[in-house]
Amino acid sequence: ISTGISNAAFEWMPDSRQVLLDRFLLDLETGVKSSLPFTDNLNGQTVRSVAPGKDSNTFIVILVNNPSKRFKLVEYKLDSGATRDLYEAPADYNLNYSAISPDGRSLIVSERERTEPYTKALVVIPVEGGKGHDLIRVKGDYLGPAHWTADSKSVLVAGGFLGGKAAFWWFPVAPGEKPRKLLDFDIVGTQMSLHPDGRTLAFHSGWPKAELWTATNVLPPR
């Protein structure tokens, strides 16, 4: 299938029939590519990124209000065009990406301070409303990509923080549980993926030559 889109990341939609490429949906059975009703603006605000929601009618959109430069996360319904506010970043923070849990009940959101000390955080937000909580908040350290585990109870995080070098960490979503380091690595790349069996982690690492690695049985028993 030729998409006509270069250098665009893609994500599976919940129906496993479509993939989301930037602002487009691609049906893998028919090869039909359709654009979302919005591209650069939604409700008068600039669209920074779009991610799949809990079903194929729902999208999670990061918006920025140009006069105030405040970032927020909204839920968008494809059939009606209705939006619902989910989260607003603190002043002077950017929102980088979001990812919905496999059970559709929670979101992980990455945010970064625009000025020193460049605080970075991963925030867990209930999709149906309610107060979120920080999974981790660090100053100046490298905080890389995050990936939900299949049971929606924990998140894998790549980063160099908590007094160590680059590593993969396991963070339980429930407040009060302690994170655990899974695997040290000299250089952690920006992409990783957990196999549906919940046992095998694939990621790229290395500089200047990127390498693809897999690690098996790295998750703690549940």
N, C-alpha and C. Protein backbone atom coordinates (compact mmCIF):
# COMPACT_ATOMS: atom_id res chain seq x y z
N ILE A 1 0.85 -1.19 0.00
CA ILE A 1 0.00 0.00 0.00
C ILE A 1 0.88 1.23 0.00
N SER A 2 0.67 2.12 -0.92
CA SER A 2 1.40 3.38 -0.98
C SER A 2 0.60 4.44 -0.25
N THR A 3 1.20 5.06 0.77
CA THR A 3 0.48 6.04 1.58
C THR A 3 0.65 7.46 1.07
N GLY A 4 1.75 7.74 0.37
CA GLY A 4 2.02 9.10 -0.05
C GLY A 4 2.50 9.98 1.08
N ILE A 5 2.80 9.38 2.22
CA ILE A 5 3.26 10.12 3.40
C ILE A 5 4.65 9.63 3.76
N SER A 6 5.59 10.52 3.89
CA SER A 6 6.96 10.13 4.23
C SER A 6 7.27 10.52 5.67
N ASN A 7 8.08 9.67 6.33
CA ASN A 7 8.57 9.94 7.68
C ASN A 7 7.46 10.16 8.70
N ALA A 8 6.33 9.50 8.54
CA ALA A 8 5.23 9.62 9.48
C ALA A 8 5.15 8.37 10.35
N ALA A 9 5.11 8.58 11.67
CA ALA A 9 4.93 7.45 12.57
C ALA A 9 3.49 6.95 12.46
N PHE A 10 3.30 5.65 12.69
CA PHE A 10 1.94 5.12 12.62
C PHE A 10 1.62 4.36 13.90
N GLU A 11 0.33 4.32 14.22
CA GLU A 11 -0.16 3.60 15.38
C GLU A 11 -1.40 2.81 14.99
N TRP A 12 -1.51 1.62 15.56
CA TRP A 12 -2.69 0.81 15.30
C TRP A 12 -3.91 1.44 15.95
N MET A 13 -5.04 1.39 15.25
CA MET A 13 -6.32 1.75 15.84
C MET A 13 -6.88 0.54 16.59
N PRO A 14 -7.79 0.75 17.55
CA PRO A 14 -8.30 -0.38 18.35
C PRO A 14 -8.97 -1.49 17.55
N ASP A 15 -9.48 -1.19 16.34
CA ASP A 15 -10.15 -2.24 15.55
C ASP A 15 -9.16 -3.15 14.84
N SER A 16 -7.85 -2.86 14.93
CA SER A 16 -6.78 -3.64 14.29
C SER A 16 -6.94 -3.72 12.77
N ARG A 17 -7.79 -2.91 12.22
CA ARG A 17 -7.99 -2.87 10.77
C ARG A 17 -7.38 -1.62 10.17
N GLN A 18 -7.30 -0.57 10.97
CA GLN A 18 -6.79 0.71 10.49
C GLN A 18 -5.53 1.10 11.27
N VAL A 19 -4.72 1.94 10.62
CA VAL A 19 -3.60 2.57 11.31
C VAL A 19 -3.73 4.08 11.15
N LEU A 20 -3.26 4.77 12.17
CA LEU A 20 -3.26 6.23 12.16
C LEU A 20 -1.88 6.72 11.75
N LEU A 21 -1.82 7.49 10.65
CA LEU A 21 -0.58 8.08 10.17
C LEU A 21 -0.73 9.59 10.19
N ASP A 22 -0.14 10.21 11.20
CA ASP A 22 -0.23 11.65 11.35
C ASP A 22 -1.70 12.05 11.47
N ARG A 23 -2.28 12.70 10.48
CA ARG A 23 -3.69 13.11 10.52
C ARG A 23 -4.54 12.27 9.57
N PHE A 24 -4.05 11.08 9.19
CA PHE A 24 -4.75 10.24 8.22
C PHE A 24 -5.04 8.87 8.82
N LEU A 25 -6.14 8.26 8.35
CA LEU A 25 -6.45 6.88 8.68
C LEU A 25 -6.27 6.03 7.43
N LEU A 26 -5.59 4.92 7.57
CA LEU A 26 -5.37 4.00 6.46
C LEU A 26 -6.03 2.67 6.76
N ASP A 27 -6.99 2.27 5.92
CA ASP A 27 -7.67 0.98 6.06
C ASP A 27 -6.80 -0.07 5.39
N LEU A 28 -6.30 -1.03 6.17
CA LEU A 28 -5.37 -2.01 5.64
C LEU A 28 -6.05 -3.08 4.79
N GLU A 29 -7.36 -3.22 4.90
CA GLU A 29 -8.07 -4.19 4.08
C GLU A 29 -8.40 -3.64 2.70
N THR A 30 -8.76 -2.37 2.63
CA THR A 30 -9.15 -1.77 1.35
C THR A 30 -8.06 -0.90 0.74
N GLY A 31 -7.10 -0.48 1.56
CA GLY A 31 -6.06 0.43 1.08
C GLY A 31 -6.52 1.87 0.98
N VAL A 32 -7.73 2.18 1.47
CA VAL A 32 -8.27 3.53 1.38
C VAL A 32 -7.67 4.41 2.48
N LYS A 33 -7.19 5.58 2.08
CA LYS A 33 -6.65 6.55 3.03
C LYS A 33 -7.64 7.70 3.17
N SER A 34 -8.01 8.04 4.39
CA SER A 34 -8.94 9.14 4.64
C SER A 34 -8.33 10.09 5.65
N SER A 35 -8.59 11.37 5.48
CA SER A 35 -8.04 12.37 6.39
C SER A 35 -9.03 12.65 7.51
N LEU A 36 -8.52 12.98 8.69
CA LEU A 36 -9.37 13.40 9.79
C LEU A 36 -10.00 14.75 9.46
N PRO A 37 -11.15 15.08 10.06
CA PRO A 37 -11.82 16.34 9.75
C PRO A 37 -11.01 17.58 10.11
N PHE A 38 -10.01 17.43 10.96
CA PHE A 38 -9.14 18.55 11.31
C PHE A 38 -7.71 18.21 10.91
N THR A 39 -6.92 19.22 10.65
CA THR A 39 -5.51 19.00 10.32
C THR A 39 -4.61 19.78 11.28
N ASP A 40 -4.52 21.08 11.08
CA ASP A 40 -3.63 21.89 11.92
C ASP A 40 -4.35 22.61 13.05
N ASN A 41 -5.68 22.74 12.95
CA ASN A 41 -6.42 23.47 13.97
C ASN A 41 -7.68 22.71 14.38
N LEU A 42 -8.02 22.83 15.67
CA LEU A 42 -9.23 22.23 16.21
C LEU A 42 -9.76 23.18 17.27
N ASN A 43 -11.00 23.63 17.09
CA ASN A 43 -11.61 24.59 18.03
C ASN A 43 -10.76 25.84 18.20
N GLY A 44 -10.11 26.27 17.10
CA GLY A 44 -9.31 27.49 17.14
C GLY A 44 -7.96 27.34 17.80
N GLN A 45 -7.54 26.11 18.09
CA GLN A 45 -6.25 25.87 18.71
C GLN A 45 -5.39 24.98 17.81
N THR A 46 -4.08 25.12 17.94
CA THR A 46 -3.16 24.39 17.08
C THR A 46 -3.04 22.93 17.52
N VAL A 47 -3.15 22.03 16.56
CA VAL A 47 -3.01 20.60 16.82
C VAL A 47 -1.53 20.24 16.81
N ARG A 48 -1.05 19.66 17.90
CA ARG A 48 0.35 19.26 17.97
C ARG A 48 0.52 17.77 17.69
N SER A 49 -0.41 16.93 18.12
CA SER A 49 -0.31 15.50 17.82
C SER A 49 -1.67 14.85 18.00
N VAL A 50 -1.84 13.70 17.36
CA VAL A 50 -3.08 12.93 17.44
C VAL A 50 -2.71 11.48 17.74
N ALA A 51 -3.44 10.86 18.66
CA ALA A 51 -3.20 9.46 19.02
C ALA A 51 -4.54 8.72 19.09
N PRO A 52 -4.53 7.40 18.90
CA PRO A 52 -5.77 6.64 19.02
C PRO A 52 -6.35 6.72 20.42
N GLY A 53 -7.70 6.65 20.49
CA GLY A 53 -8.39 6.61 21.77
C GLY A 53 -8.83 5.20 22.11
N LYS A 54 -9.88 5.10 22.93
CA LYS A 54 -10.31 3.79 23.43
C LYS A 54 -11.06 2.97 22.39
N ASP A 55 -11.55 3.61 21.32
CA ASP A 55 -12.21 2.89 20.23
C ASP A 55 -11.92 3.63 18.93
N SER A 56 -12.40 3.08 17.82
CA SER A 56 -12.03 3.65 16.52
C SER A 56 -12.80 4.92 16.18
N ASN A 57 -13.67 5.37 17.07
CA ASN A 57 -14.36 6.64 16.91
C ASN A 57 -13.73 7.74 17.75
N THR A 58 -12.71 7.39 18.53
CA THR A 58 -12.17 8.31 19.52
C THR A 58 -10.68 8.55 19.28
N PHE A 59 -10.29 9.82 19.40
CA PHE A 59 -8.89 10.20 19.25
C PHE A 59 -8.50 11.09 20.43
N ILE A 60 -7.22 11.00 20.81
CA ILE A 60 -6.67 11.85 21.86
C ILE A 60 -5.77 12.88 21.18
N VAL A 61 -6.08 14.16 21.39
CA VAL A 61 -5.41 15.23 20.65
C VAL A 61 -4.72 16.18 21.62
N ILE A 62 -3.47 16.50 21.33
CA ILE A 62 -2.75 17.53 22.08
C ILE A 62 -2.92 18.86 21.34
N LEU A 63 -3.42 19.86 22.05
CA LEU A 63 -3.66 21.19 21.49
C LEU A 63 -2.82 22.22 22.23
N VAL A 64 -2.50 23.31 21.53
CA VAL A 64 -1.84 24.43 22.18
C VAL A 64 -2.58 25.71 21.81
N ASN A 65 -2.88 26.50 22.84
CA ASN A 65 -3.52 27.80 22.65
C ASN A 65 -2.42 28.82 22.33
N ASN A 66 -2.46 29.37 21.11
CA ASN A 66 -1.36 30.22 20.67
C ASN A 66 -1.13 31.48 21.51
N PRO A 67 -2.16 32.22 21.89
CA PRO A 67 -1.87 33.42 22.70
C PRO A 67 -1.25 33.08 24.06
N SER A 68 -1.78 32.05 24.73
CA SER A 68 -1.30 31.74 26.08
C SER A 68 -0.19 30.69 26.11
N LYS A 69 -0.02 29.96 25.00
CA LYS A 69 0.95 28.86 24.91
C LYS A 69 0.67 27.76 25.94
N ARG A 70 -0.57 27.64 26.37
CA ARG A 70 -0.95 26.55 27.28
C ARG A 70 -1.32 25.32 26.47
N PHE A 71 -0.79 24.18 26.89
CA PHE A 71 -1.05 22.90 26.23
C PHE A 71 -2.16 22.17 26.98
N LYS A 72 -3.02 21.48 26.23
CA LYS A 72 -4.02 20.64 26.87
C LYS A 72 -4.30 19.41 26.03
N LEU A 73 -4.90 18.44 26.68
CA LEU A 73 -5.23 17.17 26.07
C LEU A 73 -6.76 17.07 25.98
N VAL A 74 -7.27 16.72 24.80
CA VAL A 74 -8.72 16.59 24.63
C VAL A 74 -9.06 15.26 23.97
N GLU A 75 -10.26 14.80 24.24
CA GLU A 75 -10.82 13.64 23.56
C GLU A 75 -11.70 14.13 22.42
N TYR A 76 -11.51 13.55 21.23
CA TYR A 76 -12.27 13.96 20.04
C TYR A 76 -13.07 12.78 19.51
N LYS A 77 -14.38 13.00 19.24
CA LYS A 77 -15.25 11.97 18.68
C LYS A 77 -15.40 12.20 17.18
N LEU A 78 -15.05 11.19 16.40
CA LEU A 78 -15.04 11.32 14.95
C LEU A 78 -16.45 11.50 14.39
N ASP A 79 -17.45 10.79 14.93
CA ASP A 79 -18.78 10.84 14.34
C ASP A 79 -19.49 12.16 14.59
N SER A 80 -19.27 12.77 15.75
CA SER A 80 -19.98 14.01 16.09
C SER A 80 -19.12 15.26 16.07
N GLY A 81 -17.79 15.09 16.11
CA GLY A 81 -16.90 16.24 16.20
C GLY A 81 -16.83 16.82 17.60
N ALA A 82 -17.46 16.16 18.58
CA ALA A 82 -17.47 16.66 19.95
C ALA A 82 -16.10 16.47 20.60
N THR A 83 -15.73 17.41 21.45
CA THR A 83 -14.47 17.32 22.19
C THR A 83 -14.75 17.39 23.69
N ARG A 84 -13.85 16.81 24.45
CA ARG A 84 -13.94 16.84 25.92
C ARG A 84 -12.55 17.04 26.49
N ASP A 85 -12.39 18.05 27.35
CA ASP A 85 -11.10 18.31 27.96
C ASP A 85 -10.74 17.20 28.93
N LEU A 86 -9.48 16.74 28.84
CA LEU A 86 -8.98 15.69 29.72
C LEU A 86 -7.93 16.19 30.70
N TYR A 87 -7.06 17.09 30.23
CA TYR A 87 -5.94 17.52 31.06
C TYR A 87 -5.34 18.79 30.49
N GLU A 88 -4.93 19.70 31.38
CA GLU A 88 -4.20 20.90 30.97
C GLU A 88 -2.84 20.90 31.64
N ALA A 89 -1.80 21.10 30.85
CA ALA A 89 -0.45 21.10 31.39
C ALA A 89 -0.22 22.33 32.27
N PRO A 90 0.70 22.23 33.23
CA PRO A 90 1.06 23.42 34.00
C PRO A 90 1.61 24.52 33.08
N ALA A 91 1.53 25.75 33.53
CA ALA A 91 2.09 26.86 32.76
C ALA A 91 3.57 26.61 32.48
N ASP A 92 4.01 26.98 31.29
CA ASP A 92 5.41 26.82 30.85
C ASP A 92 5.81 25.37 30.62
N TYR A 93 4.84 24.49 30.44
CA TYR A 93 5.12 23.10 30.11
C TYR A 93 4.54 22.76 28.73
N ASN A 94 5.29 21.97 27.97
CA ASN A 94 4.78 21.38 26.73
C ASN A 94 4.27 19.97 27.01
N LEU A 95 3.27 19.54 26.25
CA LEU A 95 2.87 18.14 26.22
C LEU A 95 3.50 17.49 25.00
N ASN A 96 4.19 16.37 25.18
CA ASN A 96 4.93 15.75 24.09
C ASN A 96 4.15 14.64 23.40
N TYR A 97 3.54 13.75 24.16
CA TYR A 97 2.78 12.66 23.57
C TYR A 97 1.84 12.08 24.62
N SER A 98 0.90 11.27 24.15
CA SER A 98 0.01 10.54 25.06
C SER A 98 -0.17 9.13 24.54
N ALA A 99 -0.53 8.22 25.44
CA ALA A 99 -0.80 6.83 25.04
C ALA A 99 -1.88 6.28 25.96
N ILE A 100 -2.88 5.67 25.36
CA ILE A 100 -4.00 5.12 26.13
C ILE A 100 -3.69 3.69 26.53
N SER A 101 -4.17 3.30 27.70
CA SER A 101 -3.93 1.94 28.19
C SER A 101 -4.75 0.94 27.39
N PRO A 102 -4.32 -0.32 27.34
CA PRO A 102 -5.07 -1.33 26.57
C PRO A 102 -6.53 -1.49 27.00
N ASP A 103 -6.83 -1.25 28.28
CA ASP A 103 -8.23 -1.36 28.72
C ASP A 103 -9.02 -0.08 28.48
N GLY A 104 -8.38 0.96 27.94
CA GLY A 104 -9.07 2.19 27.59
C GLY A 104 -9.45 3.07 28.76
N ARG A 105 -8.93 2.79 29.95
CA ARG A 105 -9.36 3.52 31.14
C ARG A 105 -8.40 4.62 31.58
N SER A 106 -7.15 4.56 31.13
CA SER A 106 -6.15 5.52 31.60
C SER A 106 -5.29 6.01 30.44
N LEU A 107 -4.72 7.19 30.63
CA LEU A 107 -3.77 7.76 29.67
C LEU A 107 -2.46 8.04 30.38
N ILE A 108 -1.35 7.81 29.67
CA ILE A 108 -0.06 8.28 30.14
C ILE A 108 0.30 9.48 29.28
N VAL A 109 0.68 10.58 29.90
CA VAL A 109 0.98 11.82 29.20
C VAL A 109 2.39 12.27 29.56
N SER A 110 3.16 12.64 28.55
CA SER A 110 4.52 13.15 28.76
C SER A 110 4.51 14.67 28.68
N GLU A 111 5.11 15.32 29.67
CA GLU A 111 5.19 16.78 29.67
C GLU A 111 6.61 17.22 30.01
N ARG A 112 6.98 18.42 29.50
CA ARG A 112 8.34 18.93 29.68
C ARG A 112 8.31 20.43 29.89
N GLU A 113 9.05 20.89 30.89
CA GLU A 113 9.17 22.31 31.17
C GLU A 113 9.98 22.99 30.06
N ARG A 114 9.55 24.19 29.65
CA ARG A 114 10.21 24.88 28.54
C ARG A 114 11.47 25.63 28.96
N THR A 115 11.66 25.87 30.23
CA THR A 115 12.83 26.60 30.72
C THR A 115 13.52 25.78 31.81
N GLU A 116 14.72 26.21 32.20
CA GLU A 116 15.45 25.50 33.25
C GLU A 116 14.63 25.45 34.53
N PRO A 117 14.69 24.31 35.25
CA PRO A 117 15.60 23.17 35.10
C PRO A 117 15.09 22.09 34.14
N TYR A 118 14.16 22.43 33.23
CA TYR A 118 13.65 21.49 32.22
C TYR A 118 13.08 20.23 32.87
N THR A 119 12.21 20.44 33.85
CA THR A 119 11.56 19.32 34.52
C THR A 119 10.72 18.52 33.52
N LYS A 120 10.81 17.20 33.62
CA LYS A 120 10.05 16.30 32.75
C LYS A 120 9.20 15.39 33.63
N ALA A 121 8.04 14.97 33.10
CA ALA A 121 7.16 14.14 33.90
C ALA A 121 6.32 13.23 33.02
N LEU A 122 5.92 12.10 33.59
CA LEU A 122 4.88 11.24 33.03
C LEU A 122 3.72 11.28 34.00
N VAL A 123 2.54 11.61 33.48
CA VAL A 123 1.35 11.78 34.31
C VAL A 123 0.30 10.75 33.88
N VAL A 124 -0.32 10.07 34.84
CA VAL A 124 -1.39 9.12 34.57
C VAL A 124 -2.73 9.81 34.80
N ILE A 125 -3.62 9.74 33.79
CA ILE A 125 -4.89 10.45 33.83
C ILE A 125 -6.03 9.48 33.59
N PRO A 126 -7.07 9.49 34.44
CA PRO A 126 -8.25 8.66 34.17
C PRO A 126 -9.02 9.21 32.96
N VAL A 127 -9.35 8.36 32.01
CA VAL A 127 -10.03 8.82 30.80
C VAL A 127 -11.42 9.37 31.10
N GLU A 128 -12.13 8.77 32.04
CA GLU A 128 -13.50 9.17 32.33
C GLU A 128 -13.59 10.30 33.36
N GLY A 129 -12.49 10.92 33.67
CA GLY A 129 -12.51 12.04 34.59
C GLY A 129 -11.93 11.68 35.94
N GLY A 130 -11.55 12.70 36.69
CA GLY A 130 -10.91 12.47 37.98
C GLY A 130 -9.49 13.00 37.97
N LYS A 131 -8.90 13.09 39.14
CA LYS A 131 -7.57 13.65 39.28
C LYS A 131 -6.50 12.66 38.86
N GLY A 132 -5.52 13.12 38.09
CA GLY A 132 -4.40 12.29 37.71
C GLY A 132 -3.30 12.35 38.76
N HIS A 133 -2.23 11.59 38.52
CA HIS A 133 -1.09 11.62 39.43
C HIS A 133 0.19 11.39 38.65
N ASP A 134 1.29 11.92 39.19
CA ASP A 134 2.60 11.76 38.56
C ASP A 134 3.07 10.32 38.70
N LEU A 135 3.53 9.77 37.58
CA LEU A 135 4.22 8.49 37.62
C LEU A 135 5.68 8.74 37.98
N ILE A 136 6.26 9.76 37.38
CA ILE A 136 7.62 10.20 37.69
C ILE A 136 7.75 11.66 37.28
N ARG A 137 8.54 12.43 38.03
CA ARG A 137 8.85 13.82 37.71
C ARG A 137 10.30 14.06 38.07
N VAL A 138 11.12 14.43 37.09
CA VAL A 138 12.56 14.58 37.29
C VAL A 138 13.02 15.91 36.70
N LYS A 139 14.14 16.41 37.21
CA LYS A 139 14.71 17.68 36.75
C LYS A 139 15.96 17.41 35.94
N GLY A 140 15.91 17.77 34.67
CA GLY A 140 17.09 17.73 33.83
C GLY A 140 17.50 16.37 33.31
N ASP A 141 17.00 15.29 33.91
CA ASP A 141 17.40 13.96 33.47
C ASP A 141 16.72 13.58 32.16
N TYR A 142 17.26 12.54 31.51
CA TYR A 142 16.66 12.02 30.28
C TYR A 142 15.46 11.16 30.62
N LEU A 143 14.32 11.52 30.08
CA LEU A 143 13.10 10.74 30.26
C LEU A 143 12.57 10.40 28.88
N GLY A 144 12.72 9.12 28.50
CA GLY A 144 12.40 8.70 27.15
C GLY A 144 10.99 8.18 27.00
N PRO A 145 10.79 7.30 26.02
CA PRO A 145 9.45 6.82 25.71
C PRO A 145 8.87 5.92 26.80
N ALA A 146 7.54 5.86 26.83
CA ALA A 146 6.83 5.00 27.77
C ALA A 146 5.89 4.08 27.00
N HIS A 147 5.67 2.88 27.54
CA HIS A 147 4.85 1.89 26.85
C HIS A 147 4.04 1.12 27.88
N TRP A 148 2.71 1.03 27.67
CA TRP A 148 1.85 0.28 28.58
C TRP A 148 2.11 -1.22 28.49
N THR A 149 1.99 -1.90 29.62
CA THR A 149 1.96 -3.36 29.59
C THR A 149 0.54 -3.82 29.25
N ALA A 150 0.41 -5.08 28.86
CA ALA A 150 -0.86 -5.58 28.34
C ALA A 150 -1.97 -5.57 29.39
N ASP A 151 -1.62 -5.67 30.67
CA ASP A 151 -2.64 -5.70 31.72
C ASP A 151 -3.08 -4.31 32.17
N SER A 152 -2.50 -3.26 31.59
CA SER A 152 -2.84 -1.86 31.91
C SER A 152 -2.51 -1.47 33.35
N LYS A 153 -1.71 -2.28 34.03
CA LYS A 153 -1.39 -2.01 35.42
C LYS A 153 -0.02 -1.37 35.61
N SER A 154 0.79 -1.31 34.55
CA SER A 154 2.13 -0.76 34.68
C SER A 154 2.59 -0.19 33.34
N VAL A 155 3.68 0.58 33.41
CA VAL A 155 4.23 1.25 32.24
C VAL A 155 5.74 1.00 32.20
N LEU A 156 6.24 0.69 31.01
CA LEU A 156 7.69 0.60 30.80
C LEU A 156 8.21 1.95 30.36
N VAL A 157 9.31 2.39 30.97
CA VAL A 157 9.85 3.72 30.70
C VAL A 157 11.34 3.59 30.40
N ALA A 158 11.80 4.28 29.36
CA ALA A 158 13.23 4.36 29.06
C ALA A 158 13.74 5.71 29.55
N GLY A 159 14.88 5.70 30.23
CA GLY A 159 15.43 6.97 30.69
C GLY A 159 16.65 6.81 31.54
N GLY A 160 17.31 7.94 31.79
CA GLY A 160 18.46 7.98 32.69
C GLY A 160 18.12 8.89 33.85
N PHE A 161 17.71 8.31 34.96
CA PHE A 161 17.28 9.10 36.11
C PHE A 161 17.42 8.24 37.36
N LEU A 162 17.04 8.80 38.48
CA LEU A 162 17.16 8.11 39.77
C LEU A 162 18.59 7.64 40.02
N GLY A 163 19.55 8.50 39.63
CA GLY A 163 20.95 8.25 39.95
C GLY A 163 21.64 7.19 39.12
N GLY A 164 21.14 6.90 37.93
CA GLY A 164 21.76 5.87 37.12
C GLY A 164 21.91 6.28 35.67
N LYS A 165 22.52 5.38 34.87
CA LYS A 165 22.66 5.64 33.45
C LYS A 165 21.38 5.21 32.75
N ALA A 166 21.40 5.29 31.42
CA ALA A 166 20.21 4.93 30.65
C ALA A 166 19.77 3.51 30.97
N ALA A 167 18.48 3.33 31.13
CA ALA A 167 17.95 2.02 31.51
C ALA A 167 16.47 1.94 31.16
N PHE A 168 15.95 0.73 31.21
CA PHE A 168 14.51 0.51 31.13
C PHE A 168 13.98 0.26 32.54
N TRP A 169 12.86 0.92 32.84
CA TRP A 169 12.26 0.84 34.15
C TRP A 169 10.83 0.34 34.04
N TRP A 170 10.37 -0.31 35.10
CA TRP A 170 8.97 -0.76 35.23
C TRP A 170 8.32 0.06 36.32
N PHE A 171 7.23 0.78 35.95
CA PHE A 171 6.51 1.62 36.89
C PHE A 171 5.08 1.12 37.07
N PRO A 172 4.71 0.65 38.25
CA PRO A 172 3.30 0.33 38.50
C PRO A 172 2.48 1.62 38.45
N VAL A 173 1.27 1.54 37.92
CA VAL A 173 0.42 2.72 37.80
C VAL A 173 -0.23 3.07 39.14
N ALA A 174 -0.53 2.07 39.97
CA ALA A 174 -1.17 2.33 41.26
C ALA A 174 -0.26 3.18 42.14
N PRO A 175 -0.76 4.28 42.70
CA PRO A 175 0.07 5.12 43.57
C PRO A 175 0.62 4.33 44.75
N GLY A 176 1.87 4.63 45.11
CA GLY A 176 2.46 4.00 46.28
C GLY A 176 3.37 2.83 45.99
N GLU A 177 3.21 2.20 44.82
CA GLU A 177 4.10 1.08 44.48
C GLU A 177 5.41 1.60 43.91
N LYS A 178 6.51 0.94 44.24
CA LYS A 178 7.83 1.40 43.83
C LYS A 178 8.20 0.90 42.44
N PRO A 179 8.91 1.75 41.64
CA PRO A 179 9.39 1.30 40.33
C PRO A 179 10.55 0.33 40.49
N ARG A 180 10.86 -0.38 39.40
CA ARG A 180 11.97 -1.34 39.42
C ARG A 180 12.76 -1.20 38.13
N LYS A 181 14.09 -1.18 38.27
CA LYS A 181 14.95 -1.15 37.09
C LYS A 181 14.98 -2.54 36.46
N LEU A 182 14.78 -2.58 35.13
CA LEU A 182 14.75 -3.85 34.42
C LEU A 182 16.06 -4.17 33.73
N LEU A 183 16.65 -3.15 33.09
CA LEU A 183 17.80 -3.42 32.22
C LEU A 183 18.60 -2.15 32.01
N ASP A 184 19.91 -2.20 32.29
CA ASP A 184 20.82 -1.08 32.01
C ASP A 184 21.23 -1.10 30.55
N PHE A 185 21.42 0.10 29.99
CA PHE A 185 21.93 0.19 28.63
C PHE A 185 22.71 1.47 28.46
N ASP A 186 23.78 1.42 27.65
CA ASP A 186 24.61 2.61 27.46
C ASP A 186 23.84 3.73 26.78
N ILE A 187 23.15 3.40 25.71
CA ILE A 187 22.38 4.40 24.97
C ILE A 187 21.02 3.79 24.65
N VAL A 188 19.96 4.43 25.11
CA VAL A 188 18.62 3.96 24.83
C VAL A 188 18.02 4.84 23.74
N GLY A 189 17.47 4.20 22.72
CA GLY A 189 16.88 4.95 21.63
C GLY A 189 15.51 5.50 21.97
N THR A 190 14.82 6.00 20.96
CA THR A 190 13.55 6.65 21.18
C THR A 190 12.35 5.76 20.86
N GLN A 191 12.58 4.52 20.43
CA GLN A 191 11.49 3.63 20.07
C GLN A 191 11.61 2.31 20.81
N MET A 192 10.48 1.83 21.32
CA MET A 192 10.45 0.50 21.91
C MET A 192 9.04 -0.04 21.78
N SER A 193 8.92 -1.37 21.85
CA SER A 193 7.62 -2.01 21.72
C SER A 193 7.62 -3.30 22.51
N LEU A 194 6.51 -3.54 23.21
CA LEU A 194 6.37 -4.76 24.00
C LEU A 194 5.50 -5.75 23.24
N HIS A 195 6.00 -6.99 23.09
CA HIS A 195 5.25 -8.03 22.38
C HIS A 195 3.94 -8.32 23.13
N PRO A 196 2.86 -8.68 22.40
CA PRO A 196 1.60 -9.01 23.07
C PRO A 196 1.70 -10.12 24.11
N ASP A 197 2.74 -10.97 24.01
CA ASP A 197 2.87 -12.02 25.03
C ASP A 197 3.35 -11.47 26.37
N GLY A 198 3.72 -10.17 26.38
CA GLY A 198 4.13 -9.54 27.63
C GLY A 198 5.51 -9.95 28.11
N ARG A 199 6.26 -10.68 27.31
CA ARG A 199 7.56 -11.20 27.74
C ARG A 199 8.74 -10.59 27.00
N THR A 200 8.53 -10.15 25.77
CA THR A 200 9.64 -9.72 24.92
C THR A 200 9.55 -8.23 24.62
N LEU A 201 10.64 -7.54 24.91
CA LEU A 201 10.75 -6.11 24.65
C LEU A 201 11.69 -5.88 23.48
N ALA A 202 11.24 -5.15 22.47
CA ALA A 202 12.08 -4.78 21.33
C ALA A 202 12.38 -3.28 21.41
N PHE A 203 13.63 -2.92 21.11
CA PHE A 203 14.00 -1.49 21.18
C PHE A 203 15.24 -1.27 20.31
N HIS A 204 15.47 0.00 19.97
CA HIS A 204 16.71 0.29 19.25
C HIS A 204 17.64 1.09 20.14
N SER A 205 18.93 0.86 19.94
CA SER A 205 19.96 1.47 20.76
C SER A 205 21.24 1.58 19.95
N GLY A 206 22.14 2.45 20.43
CA GLY A 206 23.45 2.57 19.79
C GLY A 206 23.67 3.91 19.13
N TRP A 207 24.93 4.31 19.07
CA TRP A 207 25.32 5.55 18.42
C TRP A 207 26.78 5.46 18.00
N PRO A 208 27.13 5.85 16.78
CA PRO A 208 26.29 6.45 15.74
C PRO A 208 25.50 5.44 14.91
N LYS A 209 25.77 4.15 15.11
CA LYS A 209 25.06 3.13 14.36
C LYS A 209 23.95 2.56 15.22
N ALA A 210 22.70 2.71 14.77
CA ALA A 210 21.56 2.21 15.52
C ALA A 210 21.43 0.70 15.36
N GLU A 211 21.07 0.03 16.45
CA GLU A 211 20.91 -1.42 16.45
C GLU A 211 19.53 -1.76 17.01
N LEU A 212 18.98 -2.85 16.54
CA LEU A 212 17.71 -3.34 17.04
C LEU A 212 17.97 -4.49 18.01
N TRP A 213 17.43 -4.38 19.22
CA TRP A 213 17.65 -5.35 20.26
C TRP A 213 16.32 -5.93 20.74
N THR A 214 16.37 -7.14 21.28
CA THR A 214 15.23 -7.71 21.98
C THR A 214 15.69 -8.24 23.33
N ALA A 215 14.83 -8.12 24.33
CA ALA A 215 15.10 -8.65 25.66
C ALA A 215 13.88 -9.44 26.11
N THR A 216 14.11 -10.64 26.62
CA THR A 216 13.02 -11.54 26.99
C THR A 216 13.00 -11.77 28.50
N ASN A 217 11.79 -11.89 29.02
CA ASN A 217 11.57 -12.17 30.44
C ASN A 217 12.19 -11.10 31.33
N VAL A 218 12.02 -9.85 30.94
CA VAL A 218 12.57 -8.76 31.76
C VAL A 218 11.54 -8.19 32.72
N LEU A 219 10.26 -8.46 32.49
CA LEU A 219 9.23 -7.90 33.36
C LEU A 219 9.15 -8.67 34.67
N PRO A 220 8.90 -7.98 35.79
CA PRO A 220 8.74 -8.69 37.06
C PRO A 220 7.45 -9.50 37.06
N PRO A 221 7.41 -10.61 37.80
CA PRO A 221 6.18 -11.41 37.86
C PRO A 221 5.08 -10.65 38.55
N ARG A 222 3.84 -10.88 38.10
CA ARG A 222 2.67 -10.21 38.70
C ARG A 222 1.79 -11.23 39.38
